[in-house]
Amino acid sequence: MRKALSPKQQVIYEAIVHFVRHRRYPPTYRKLMRVAGLSSLAPVQSRLKSIERKGWIRRRPGYARAIELVEVALSKTCANCQHWQDMGAEPVHASRSQTA
């Protein structure tokens, strides 16, 4: 069983889930920084490390956008979707079936 994410980690994780679902690839660290309202990449890197340690994602060091979701609950509705749409993500289409 995976450990629970903190609220700050949850924002980062949900942004990754949203981007993977709608863009088919993970966001950049800089995009995660903007979504989370941060002014530096260091907290993004720290939170990603914690999220990975808790078993929610896997990363490949040295590769761009190398964040892989370990498991995605596709039926879960994301509370911050409007915020991510404002950041440039595509809108959600309920009729479209997707796999991550």
PDB file of N, CA and C in Angstrom:
ATOM      1  N   MET A   1       0.839  -1.181   0.000  1.00  0.00           N
ATOM      2  CA  MET A   1       0.000   0.000   0.000  1.00  0.00           C
ATOM      3  C   MET A   1       0.886   1.249   0.000  1.00  0.00           C
ATOM      4  N   ARG A   2       0.534   2.190  -0.852  1.00  0.00           N
ATOM      5  CA  ARG A   2       1.324   3.416  -0.953  1.00  0.00           C
ATOM      6  C   ARG A   2       0.999   4.364   0.194  1.00  0.00           C
ATOM      7  N   LYS A   3       1.976   5.163   0.544  1.00  0.00           N
ATOM      8  CA  LYS A   3       1.765   6.174   1.575  1.00  0.00           C
ATOM      9  C   LYS A   3       0.974   7.334   0.996  1.00  0.00           C
ATOM     10  N   ALA A   4       0.201   7.996   1.846  1.00  0.00           N
ATOM     11  CA  ALA A   4      -0.609   9.142   1.419  1.00  0.00           C
ATOM     12  C   ALA A   4       0.291  10.322   1.062  1.00  0.00           C
ATOM     13  N   LEU A   5      -0.191  11.128   0.133  1.00  0.00           N
ATOM     14  CA  LEU A   5       0.533  12.326  -0.282  1.00  0.00           C
ATOM     15  C   LEU A   5       0.092  13.512   0.557  1.00  0.00           C
ATOM     16  N   SER A   6       1.019  14.424   0.794  1.00  0.00           N
ATOM     17  CA  SER A   6       0.671  15.675   1.462  1.00  0.00           C
ATOM     18  C   SER A   6      -0.138  16.522   0.478  1.00  0.00           C
ATOM     19  N   PRO A   7      -0.848  17.546   0.955  1.00  0.00           N
ATOM     20  CA  PRO A   7      -1.603  18.402   0.028  1.00  0.00           C
ATOM     21  C   PRO A   7      -0.725  19.017  -1.068  1.00  0.00           C
ATOM     22  N   LYS A   8       0.483  19.423  -0.745  1.00  0.00           N
ATOM     23  CA  LYS A   8       1.383  20.017  -1.738  1.00  0.00           C
ATOM     24  C   LYS A   8       1.837  18.975  -2.759  1.00  0.00           C
ATOM     25  N   GLN A   9       2.099  17.772  -2.297  1.00  0.00           N
ATOM     26  CA  GLN A   9       2.470  16.691  -3.205  1.00  0.00           C
ATOM     27  C   GLN A   9       1.283  16.296  -4.075  1.00  0.00           C
ATOM     28  N   GLN A  10       0.079  16.333  -3.504  1.00  0.00           N
ATOM     29  CA  GLN A  10      -1.133  15.979  -4.238  1.00  0.00           C
ATOM     30  C   GLN A  10      -1.350  16.911  -5.428  1.00  0.00           C
ATOM     31  N   VAL A  11      -1.068  18.202  -5.259  1.00  0.00           N
ATOM     32  CA  VAL A  11      -1.207  19.165  -6.362  1.00  0.00           C
ATOM     33  C   VAL A  11      -0.290  18.767  -7.519  1.00  0.00           C
ATOM     34  N   ILE A  12       0.945  18.441  -7.206  1.00  0.00           N
ATOM     35  CA  ILE A  12       1.909  18.036  -8.233  1.00  0.00           C
ATOM     36  C   ILE A  12       1.458  16.734  -8.899  1.00  0.00           C
ATOM     37  N   TYR A  13       1.061  15.756  -8.091  1.00  0.00           N
ATOM     38  CA  TYR A  13       0.639  14.462  -8.639  1.00  0.00           C
ATOM     39  C   TYR A  13      -0.584  14.611  -9.543  1.00  0.00           C
ATOM     40  N   GLU A  14      -1.576  15.369  -9.104  1.00  0.00           N
ATOM     41  CA  GLU A  14      -2.784  15.549  -9.912  1.00  0.00           C
ATOM     42  C   GLU A  14      -2.476  16.287 -11.218  1.00  0.00           C
ATOM     43  N   ALA A  15      -1.527  17.205 -11.182  1.00  0.00           N
ATOM     44  CA  ALA A  15      -1.123  17.889 -12.415  1.00  0.00           C
ATOM     45  C   ALA A  15      -0.493  16.892 -13.390  1.00  0.00           C
ATOM     46  N   ILE A  16       0.322  15.996 -12.875  1.00  0.00           N
ATOM     47  CA  ILE A  16       0.936  14.973 -13.728  1.00  0.00           C
ATOM     48  C   ILE A  16      -0.145  14.078 -14.329  1.00  0.00           C
ATOM     49  N   VAL A  17      -1.079  13.621 -13.497  1.00  0.00           N
ATOM     50  CA  VAL A  17      -2.170  12.764 -13.975  1.00  0.00           C
ATOM     51  C   VAL A  17      -2.951  13.480 -15.070  1.00  0.00           C
ATOM     52  N   HIS A  18      -3.288  14.739 -14.828  1.00  0.00           N
ATOM     53  CA  HIS A  18      -4.068  15.509 -15.796  1.00  0.00           C
ATOM     54  C   HIS A  18      -3.334  15.620 -17.134  1.00  0.00           C
ATOM     55  N   PHE A  19      -2.059  15.975 -17.088  1.00  0.00           N
ATOM     56  CA  PHE A  19      -1.305  16.135 -18.329  1.00  0.00           C
ATOM     57  C   PHE A  19      -1.150  14.811 -19.068  1.00  0.00           C
ATOM     58  N   VAL A  20      -0.889  13.740 -18.354  1.00  0.00           N
ATOM     59  CA  VAL A  20      -0.731  12.437 -19.004  1.00  0.00           C
ATOM     60  C   VAL A  20      -2.040  12.012 -19.661  1.00  0.00           C
ATOM     61  N   ARG A  21      -3.145  12.240 -18.996  1.00  0.00           N
ATOM     62  CA  ARG A  21      -4.450  11.880 -19.565  1.00  0.00           C
ATOM     63  C   ARG A  21      -4.771  12.673 -20.823  1.00  0.00           C
ATOM     64  N   HIS A  22      -4.490  13.966 -20.795  1.00  0.00           N
ATOM     65  CA  HIS A  22      -4.958  14.842 -21.863  1.00  0.00           C
ATOM     66  C   HIS A  22      -3.916  15.179 -22.917  1.00  0.00           C
ATOM     67  N   ARG A  23      -2.667  15.054 -22.573  1.00  0.00           N
ATOM     68  CA  ARG A  23      -1.608  15.349 -23.545  1.00  0.00           C
ATOM     69  C   ARG A  23      -0.820  14.111 -23.936  1.00  0.00           C
ATOM     70  N   ARG A  24      -1.001  13.042 -23.183  1.00  0.00           N
ATOM     71  CA  ARG A  24      -0.317  11.767 -23.427  1.00  0.00           C
ATOM     72  C   ARG A  24       1.180  11.808 -23.088  1.00  0.00           C
ATOM     73  N   TYR A  25       1.607  12.843 -22.399  1.00  0.00           N
ATOM     74  CA  TYR A  25       2.984  12.917 -21.919  1.00  0.00           C
ATOM     75  C   TYR A  25       2.990  13.770 -20.656  1.00  0.00           C
ATOM     76  N   PRO A  26       3.968  13.582 -19.778  1.00  0.00           N
ATOM     77  CA  PRO A  26       3.997  14.345 -18.530  1.00  0.00           C
ATOM     78  C   PRO A  26       4.446  15.790 -18.748  1.00  0.00           C
ATOM     79  N   PRO A  27       4.102  16.664 -17.809  1.00  0.00           N
ATOM     80  CA  PRO A  27       4.510  18.066 -17.916  1.00  0.00           C
ATOM     81  C   PRO A  27       5.991  18.243 -17.583  1.00  0.00           C
ATOM     82  N   THR A  28       6.523  19.385 -17.969  1.00  0.00           N
ATOM     83  CA  THR A  28       7.891  19.733 -17.597  1.00  0.00           C
ATOM     84  C   THR A  28       7.913  20.155 -16.130  1.00  0.00           C
ATOM     85  N   TYR A  29       9.092  20.182 -15.546  1.00  0.00           N
ATOM     86  CA  TYR A  29       9.221  20.663 -14.169  1.00  0.00           C
ATOM     87  C   TYR A  29       8.763  22.117 -14.081  1.00  0.00           C
ATOM     88  N   ARG A  30       9.074  22.898 -15.105  1.00  0.00           N
ATOM     89  CA  ARG A  30       8.688  24.309 -15.109  1.00  0.00           C
ATOM     90  C   ARG A  30       7.165  24.460 -15.135  1.00  0.00           C
ATOM     91  N   LYS A  31       6.477  23.614 -15.898  1.00  0.00           N
ATOM     92  CA  LYS A  31       5.012  23.646 -15.940  1.00  0.00           C
ATOM     93  C   LYS A  31       4.449  23.255 -14.566  1.00  0.00           C
ATOM     94  N   LEU A  32       5.030  22.245 -13.935  1.00  0.00           N
ATOM     95  CA  LEU A  32       4.599  21.855 -12.588  1.00  0.00           C
ATOM     96  C   LEU A  32       4.825  22.992 -11.596  1.00  0.00           C
ATOM     97  N   MET A  33       5.925  23.707 -11.776  1.00  0.00           N
ATOM     98  CA  MET A  33       6.222  24.849 -10.913  1.00  0.00           C
ATOM     99  C   MET A  33       5.118  25.896 -11.023  1.00  0.00           C
ATOM    100  N   ARG A  34       4.695  26.206 -12.248  1.00  0.00           N
ATOM    101  CA  ARG A  34       3.639  27.204 -12.453  1.00  0.00           C
ATOM    102  C   ARG A  34       2.297  26.726 -11.909  1.00  0.00           C
ATOM    103  N   VAL A  35       1.955  25.465 -12.167  1.00  0.00           N
ATOM    104  CA  VAL A  35       0.677  24.921 -11.688  1.00  0.00           C
ATOM    105  C   VAL A  35       0.608  24.971 -10.164  1.00  0.00           C
ATOM    106  N   ALA A  36       1.713  24.665  -9.503  1.00  0.00           N
ATOM    107  CA  ALA A  36       1.748  24.652  -8.042  1.00  0.00           C
ATOM    108  C   ALA A  36       1.945  26.042  -7.444  1.00  0.00           C
ATOM    109  N   GLY A  37       2.143  27.055  -8.286  1.00  0.00           N
ATOM    110  CA  GLY A  37       2.319  28.413  -7.787  1.00  0.00           C
ATOM    111  C   GLY A  37       3.654  28.634  -7.100  1.00  0.00           C
ATOM    112  N   LEU A  38       4.679  27.935  -7.558  1.00  0.00           N
ATOM    113  CA  LEU A  38       6.006  28.050  -6.958  1.00  0.00           C
ATOM    114  C   LEU A  38       6.879  28.991  -7.780  1.00  0.00           C
ATOM    115  N   SER A  39       7.937  29.503  -7.162  1.00  0.00           N
ATOM    116  CA  SER A  39       8.822  30.425  -7.867  1.00  0.00           C
ATOM    117  C   SER A  39      10.193  29.815  -8.147  1.00  0.00           C
ATOM    118  N   SER A  40      10.350  28.534  -7.819  1.00  0.00           N
ATOM    119  CA  SER A  40      11.629  27.861  -8.008  1.00  0.00           C
ATOM    120  C   SER A  40      11.384  26.400  -8.379  1.00  0.00           C
ATOM    121  N   LEU A  41      12.339  25.796  -9.059  1.00  0.00           N
ATOM    122  CA  LEU A  41      12.230  24.384  -9.420  1.00  0.00           C
ATOM    123  C   LEU A  41      12.598  23.450  -8.268  1.00  0.00           C
ATOM    124  N   ALA A  42      13.336  23.946  -7.288  1.00  0.00           N
ATOM    125  CA  ALA A  42      13.789  23.092  -6.183  1.00  0.00           C
ATOM    126  C   ALA A  42      12.635  22.418  -5.440  1.00  0.00           C
ATOM    127  N   PRO A  43      11.548  23.138  -5.085  1.00  0.00           N
ATOM    128  CA  PRO A  43      10.444  22.451  -4.404  1.00  0.00           C
ATOM    129  C   PRO A  43       9.752  21.410  -5.294  1.00  0.00           C
ATOM    130  N   VAL A  44       9.717  21.650  -6.595  1.00  0.00           N
ATOM    131  CA  VAL A  44       9.131  20.674  -7.524  1.00  0.00           C
ATOM    132  C   VAL A  44       9.960  19.393  -7.483  1.00  0.00           C
ATOM    133  N   GLN A  45      11.273  19.532  -7.571  1.00  0.00           N
ATOM    134  CA  GLN A  45      12.156  18.368  -7.538  1.00  0.00           C
ATOM    135  C   GLN A  45      12.027  17.614  -6.217  1.00  0.00           C
ATOM    136  N   SER A  46      11.945  18.354  -5.127  1.00  0.00           N
ATOM    137  CA  SER A  46      11.804  17.742  -3.809  1.00  0.00           C
ATOM    138  C   SER A  46      10.486  16.984  -3.685  1.00  0.00           C
ATOM    139  N   ARG A  47       9.412  17.591  -4.157  1.00  0.00           N
ATOM    140  CA  ARG A  47       8.098  16.941  -4.075  1.00  0.00           C
ATOM    141  C   ARG A  47       8.030  15.727  -4.985  1.00  0.00           C
ATOM    142  N   LEU A  48       8.624  15.813  -6.168  1.00  0.00           N
ATOM    143  CA  LEU A  48       8.652  14.651  -7.060  1.00  0.00           C
ATOM    144  C   LEU A  48       9.432  13.500  -6.428  1.00  0.00           C
ATOM    145  N   LYS A  49      10.520  13.825  -5.766  1.00  0.00           N
ATOM    146  CA  LYS A  49      11.311  12.796  -5.089  1.00  0.00           C
ATOM    147  C   LYS A  49      10.478  12.117  -4.003  1.00  0.00           C
ATOM    148  N   SER A  50       9.731  12.907  -3.243  1.00  0.00           N
ATOM    149  CA  SER A  50       8.874  12.348  -2.191  1.00  0.00           C
ATOM    150  C   SER A  50       7.742  11.508  -2.775  1.00  0.00           C
ATOM    151  N   ILE A  51       7.135  12.003  -3.854  1.00  0.00           N
ATOM    152  CA  ILE A  51       6.043  11.269  -4.505  1.00  0.00           C
ATOM    153  C   ILE A  51       6.565   9.934  -5.041  1.00  0.00           C
ATOM    154  N   GLU A  52       7.764   9.952  -5.596  1.00  0.00           N
ATOM    155  CA  GLU A  52       8.370   8.716  -6.099  1.00  0.00           C
ATOM    156  C   GLU A  52       8.682   7.764  -4.946  1.00  0.00           C
ATOM    157  N   ARG A  53       9.235   8.281  -3.877  1.00  0.00           N
ATOM    158  CA  ARG A  53       9.574   7.461  -2.714  1.00  0.00           C
ATOM    159  C   ARG A  53       8.321   6.803  -2.120  1.00  0.00           C
ATOM    160  N   LYS A  54       7.184   7.492  -2.205  1.00  0.00           N
ATOM    161  CA  LYS A  54       5.922   6.959  -1.678  1.00  0.00           C
ATOM    162  C   LYS A  54       5.249   5.983  -2.645  1.00  0.00           C
ATOM    163  N   GLY A  55       5.808   5.824  -3.841  1.00  0.00           N
ATOM    164  CA  GLY A  55       5.329   4.810  -4.764  1.00  0.00           C
ATOM    165  C   GLY A  55       4.266   5.233  -5.756  1.00  0.00           C
ATOM    166  N   TRP A  56       4.075   6.531  -5.966  1.00  0.00           N
ATOM    167  CA  TRP A  56       3.036   7.016  -6.880  1.00  0.00           C
ATOM    168  C   TRP A  56       3.545   7.211  -8.307  1.00  0.00           C
ATOM    169  N   ILE A  57       4.832   7.501  -8.452  1.00  0.00           N
ATOM    170  CA  ILE A  57       5.430   7.718  -9.773  1.00  0.00           C
ATOM    171  C   ILE A  57       6.786   7.022  -9.837  1.00  0.00           C
ATOM    172  N   ARG A  58       7.314   6.911 -11.065  1.00  0.00           N
ATOM    173  CA  ARG A  58       8.693   6.481 -11.305  1.00  0.00           C
ATOM    174  C   ARG A  58       9.325   7.526 -12.209  1.00  0.00           C
ATOM    175  N   ARG A  59      10.607   7.800 -11.984  1.00  0.00           N
ATOM    176  CA  ARG A  59      11.330   8.748 -12.837  1.00  0.00           C
ATOM    177  C   ARG A  59      12.581   8.083 -13.380  1.00  0.00           C
ATOM    178  N   ARG A  60      12.996   8.540 -14.553  1.00  0.00           N
ATOM    179  CA  ARG A  60      14.242   8.076 -15.166  1.00  0.00           C
ATOM    180  C   ARG A  60      15.213   9.245 -15.181  1.00  0.00           C
ATOM    181  N   PRO A  61      16.208   9.217 -14.320  1.00  0.00           N
ATOM    182  CA  PRO A  61      17.170  10.319 -14.261  1.00  0.00           C
ATOM    183  C   PRO A  61      17.857  10.540 -15.605  1.00  0.00           C
ATOM    184  N   GLY A  62      18.042  11.805 -15.938  1.00  0.00           N
ATOM    185  CA  GLY A  62      18.748  12.147 -17.162  1.00  0.00           C
ATOM    186  C   GLY A  62      17.881  12.262 -18.398  1.00  0.00           C
ATOM    187  N   TYR A  63      16.594  11.993 -18.279  1.00  0.00           N
ATOM    188  CA  TYR A  63      15.680  12.076 -19.413  1.00  0.00           C
ATOM    189  C   TYR A  63      14.655  13.182 -19.188  1.00  0.00           C
ATOM    190  N   ALA A  64      14.327  13.905 -20.244  1.00  0.00           N
ATOM    191  CA  ALA A  64      13.309  14.951 -20.159  1.00  0.00           C
ATOM    192  C   ALA A  64      11.927  14.308 -20.077  1.00  0.00           C
ATOM    193  N   ARG A  65      11.075  14.872 -19.271  1.00  0.00           N
ATOM    194  CA  ARG A  65       9.679  14.416 -19.114  1.00  0.00           C
ATOM    195  C   ARG A  65       9.590  12.930 -18.806  1.00  0.00           C
ATOM    196  N   ALA A  66      10.527  12.421 -18.055  1.00  0.00           N
ATOM    197  CA  ALA A  66      10.575  10.988 -17.761  1.00  0.00           C
ATOM    198  C   ALA A  66       9.891  10.676 -16.437  1.00  0.00           C
ATOM    199  N   ILE A  67       8.631  11.058 -16.328  1.00  0.00           N
ATOM    200  CA  ILE A  67       7.821  10.759 -15.152  1.00  0.00           C
ATOM    201  C   ILE A  67       6.764   9.757 -15.592  1.00  0.00           C
ATOM    202  N   GLU A  68       6.719   8.626 -14.934  1.00  0.00           N
ATOM    203  CA  GLU A  68       5.758   7.578 -15.270  1.00  0.00           C
ATOM    204  C   GLU A  68       4.824   7.372 -14.083  1.00  0.00           C
ATOM    205  N   LEU A  69       3.522   7.354 -14.343  1.00  0.00           N
ATOM    206  CA  LEU A  69       2.544   7.092 -13.296  1.00  0.00           C
ATOM    207  C   LEU A  69       2.545   5.601 -12.989  1.00  0.00           C
ATOM    208  N   VAL A  70       2.603   5.269 -11.710  1.00  0.00           N
ATOM    209  CA  VAL A  70       2.578   3.869 -11.313  1.00  0.00           C
ATOM    210  C   VAL A  70       1.173   3.316 -11.488  1.00  0.00           C
ATOM    211  N   GLU A  71       0.175   4.090 -11.118  1.00  0.00           N
ATOM    212  CA  GLU A  71      -1.215   3.669 -11.263  1.00  0.00           C
ATOM    213  C   GLU A  71      -2.083   4.913 -11.295  1.00  0.00           C
ATOM    214  N   VAL A  72      -3.080   4.919 -12.157  1.00  0.00           N
ATOM    215  CA  VAL A  72      -3.976   6.064 -12.258  1.00  0.00           C
ATOM    216  C   VAL A  72      -5.405   5.581 -12.089  1.00  0.00           C
ATOM    217  N   ALA A  73      -6.135   6.213 -11.195  1.00  0.00           N
ATOM    218  CA  ALA A  73      -7.562   5.922 -11.049  1.00  0.00           C
ATOM    219  C   ALA A  73      -8.296   6.757 -12.087  1.00  0.00           C
ATOM    220  N   LEU A  74      -8.623   6.159 -13.227  1.00  0.00           N
ATOM    221  CA  LEU A  74      -9.201   6.909 -14.338  1.00  0.00           C
ATOM    222  C   LEU A  74     -10.578   7.472 -14.034  1.00  0.00           C
ATOM    223  N   SER A  75     -11.296   6.878 -13.094  1.00  0.00           N
ATOM    224  CA  SER A  75     -12.635   7.371 -12.792  1.00  0.00           C
ATOM    225  C   SER A  75     -12.610   8.573 -11.851  1.00  0.00           C
ATOM    226  N   LYS A  76     -11.443   8.874 -11.275  1.00  0.00           N
ATOM    227  CA  LYS A  76     -11.346   9.983 -10.329  1.00  0.00           C
ATOM    228  C   LYS A  76     -11.471  11.316 -11.062  1.00  0.00           C
ATOM    229  N   THR A  77     -12.283  12.198 -10.529  1.00  0.00           N
ATOM    230  CA  THR A  77     -12.427  13.532 -11.087  1.00  0.00           C
ATOM    231  C   THR A  77     -11.443  14.445 -10.380  1.00  0.00           C
ATOM    232  N   CYS A  78     -10.686  15.204 -11.128  1.00  0.00           N
ATOM    233  CA  CYS A  78      -9.712  16.094 -10.515  1.00  0.00           C
ATOM    234  C   CYS A  78     -10.368  17.425 -10.161  1.00  0.00           C
ATOM    235  N   ALA A  79     -10.132  17.850  -8.947  1.00  0.00           N
ATOM    236  CA  ALA A  79     -10.744  19.069  -8.434  1.00  0.00           C
ATOM    237  C   ALA A  79     -10.148  20.322  -9.060  1.00  0.00           C
ATOM    238  N   ASN A  80      -8.920  20.250  -9.525  1.00  0.00           N
ATOM    239  CA  ASN A  80      -8.229  21.433 -10.031  1.00  0.00           C
ATOM    240  C   ASN A  80      -8.174  21.495 -11.552  1.00  0.00           C
ATOM    241  N   CYS A  81      -9.051  20.769 -12.251  1.00  0.00           N
ATOM    242  CA  CYS A  81      -8.986  20.723 -13.716  1.00  0.00           C
ATOM    243  C   CYS A  81      -9.093  22.105 -14.353  1.00  0.00           C
ATOM    244  N   GLN A  82      -9.948  22.965 -13.826  1.00  0.00           N
ATOM    245  CA  GLN A  82     -10.090  24.301 -14.403  1.00  0.00           C
ATOM    246  C   GLN A  82      -8.769  25.059 -14.311  1.00  0.00           C
ATOM    247  N   HIS A  83      -8.083  24.920 -13.195  1.00  0.00           N
ATOM    248  CA  HIS A  83      -6.785  25.578 -13.024  1.00  0.00           C
ATOM    249  C   HIS A  83      -5.800  25.075 -14.077  1.00  0.00           C
ATOM    250  N   TRP A  84      -5.794  23.772 -14.332  1.00  0.00           N
ATOM    251  CA  TRP A  84      -4.872  23.217 -15.317  1.00  0.00           C
ATOM    252  C   TRP A  84      -5.256  23.635 -16.719  1.00  0.00           C
ATOM    253  N   GLN A  85      -6.564  23.749 -16.989  1.00  0.00           N
ATOM    254  CA  GLN A  85      -6.994  24.231 -18.295  1.00  0.00           C
ATOM    255  C   GLN A  85      -6.516  25.659 -18.498  1.00  0.00           C
ATOM    256  N   ASP A  86      -6.544  26.462 -17.436  1.00  0.00           N
ATOM    257  CA  ASP A  86      -6.047  27.833 -17.520  1.00  0.00           C
ATOM    258  C   ASP A  86      -4.548  27.862 -17.819  1.00  0.00           C
ATOM    259  N   MET A  87      -3.838  26.794 -17.438  1.00  0.00           N
ATOM    260  CA  MET A  87      -2.398  26.710 -17.670  1.00  0.00           C
ATOM    261  C   MET A  87      -2.075  26.166 -19.066  1.00  0.00           C
ATOM    262  N   GLY A  88      -3.117  25.872 -19.870  1.00  0.00           N
ATOM    263  CA  GLY A  88      -2.877  25.451 -21.243  1.00  0.00           C
ATOM    264  C   GLY A  88      -3.175  24.004 -21.548  1.00  0.00           C
ATOM    265  N   ALA A  89      -3.747  23.267 -20.602  1.00  0.00           N
ATOM    266  CA  ALA A  89      -4.095  21.870 -20.867  1.00  0.00           C
ATOM    267  C   ALA A  89      -5.411  21.800 -21.620  1.00  0.00           C
ATOM    268  N   GLU A  90      -5.632  20.698 -22.309  1.00  0.00           N
ATOM    269  CA  GLU A  90      -6.866  20.520 -23.063  1.00  0.00           C
ATOM    270  C   GLU A  90      -8.036  20.250 -22.122  1.00  0.00           C
ATOM    271  N   PRO A  91      -9.264  20.599 -22.532  1.00  0.00           N
ATOM    272  CA  PRO A  91     -10.425  20.316 -21.695  1.00  0.00           C
ATOM    273  C   PRO A  91     -10.722  18.823 -21.627  1.00  0.00           C
ATOM    274  N   VAL A  92     -11.451  18.443 -20.594  1.00  0.00           N
ATOM    275  CA  VAL A  92     -11.820  17.047 -20.379  1.00  0.00           C
ATOM    276  C   VAL A  92     -13.035  16.712 -21.230  1.00  0.00           C
ATOM    277  N   HIS A  93     -13.005  15.566 -21.905  1.00  0.00           N
ATOM    278  CA  HIS A  93     -14.142  15.076 -22.679  1.00  0.00           C
ATOM    279  C   HIS A  93     -14.598  13.773 -22.052  1.00  0.00           C
ATOM    280  N   ALA A  94     -15.756  13.785 -21.392  1.00  0.00           N
ATOM    281  CA  ALA A  94     -16.232  12.623 -20.648  1.00  0.00           C
ATOM    282  C   ALA A  94     -16.495  11.421 -21.542  1.00  0.00           C
ATOM    283  N   SER A  95     -16.862  11.636 -22.789  1.00  0.00           N
ATOM    284  CA  SER A  95     -17.198  10.517 -23.665  1.00  0.00           C
ATOM    285  C   SER A  95     -15.972   9.803 -24.217  1.00  0.00           C
ATOM    286  N   ARG A  96     -14.813  10.415 -24.110  1.00  0.00           N
ATOM    287  CA  ARG A  96     -13.596   9.827 -24.659  1.00  0.00           C
ATOM    288  C   ARG A  96     -12.998   8.847 -23.652  1.00  0.00           C
ATOM    289  N   SER A  97     -12.823   7.616 -24.037  1.00  0.00           N
ATOM    290  CA  SER A  97     -12.202   6.644 -23.134  1.00  0.00           C
ATOM    291  C   SER A  97     -10.700   6.684 -23.351  1.00  0.00           C
ATOM    292  N   GLN A  98      -9.976   6.751 -22.231  1.00  0.00           N
ATOM    293  CA  GLN A  98      -8.525   6.865 -22.311  1.00  0.00           C
ATOM    294  C   GLN A  98      -7.888   5.890 -21.354  1.00  0.00           C
ATOM    295  N   THR A  99      -6.702   5.489 -21.683  1.00  0.00           N
ATOM    296  CA  THR A  99      -5.899   4.688 -20.775  1.00  0.00           C
ATOM    297  C   THR A  99      -4.587   5.401 -20.571  1.00  0.00           C
ATOM    298  N   ALA A 100      -4.028   5.226 -19.386  1.00  0.00           N
ATOM    299  CA  ALA A 100      -2.757   5.889 -19.098  1.00  0.00           C
ATOM    300  C   ALA A 100      -1.628   4.907 -19.168  1.00  0.00           C
TER     301      ALA A 100
END
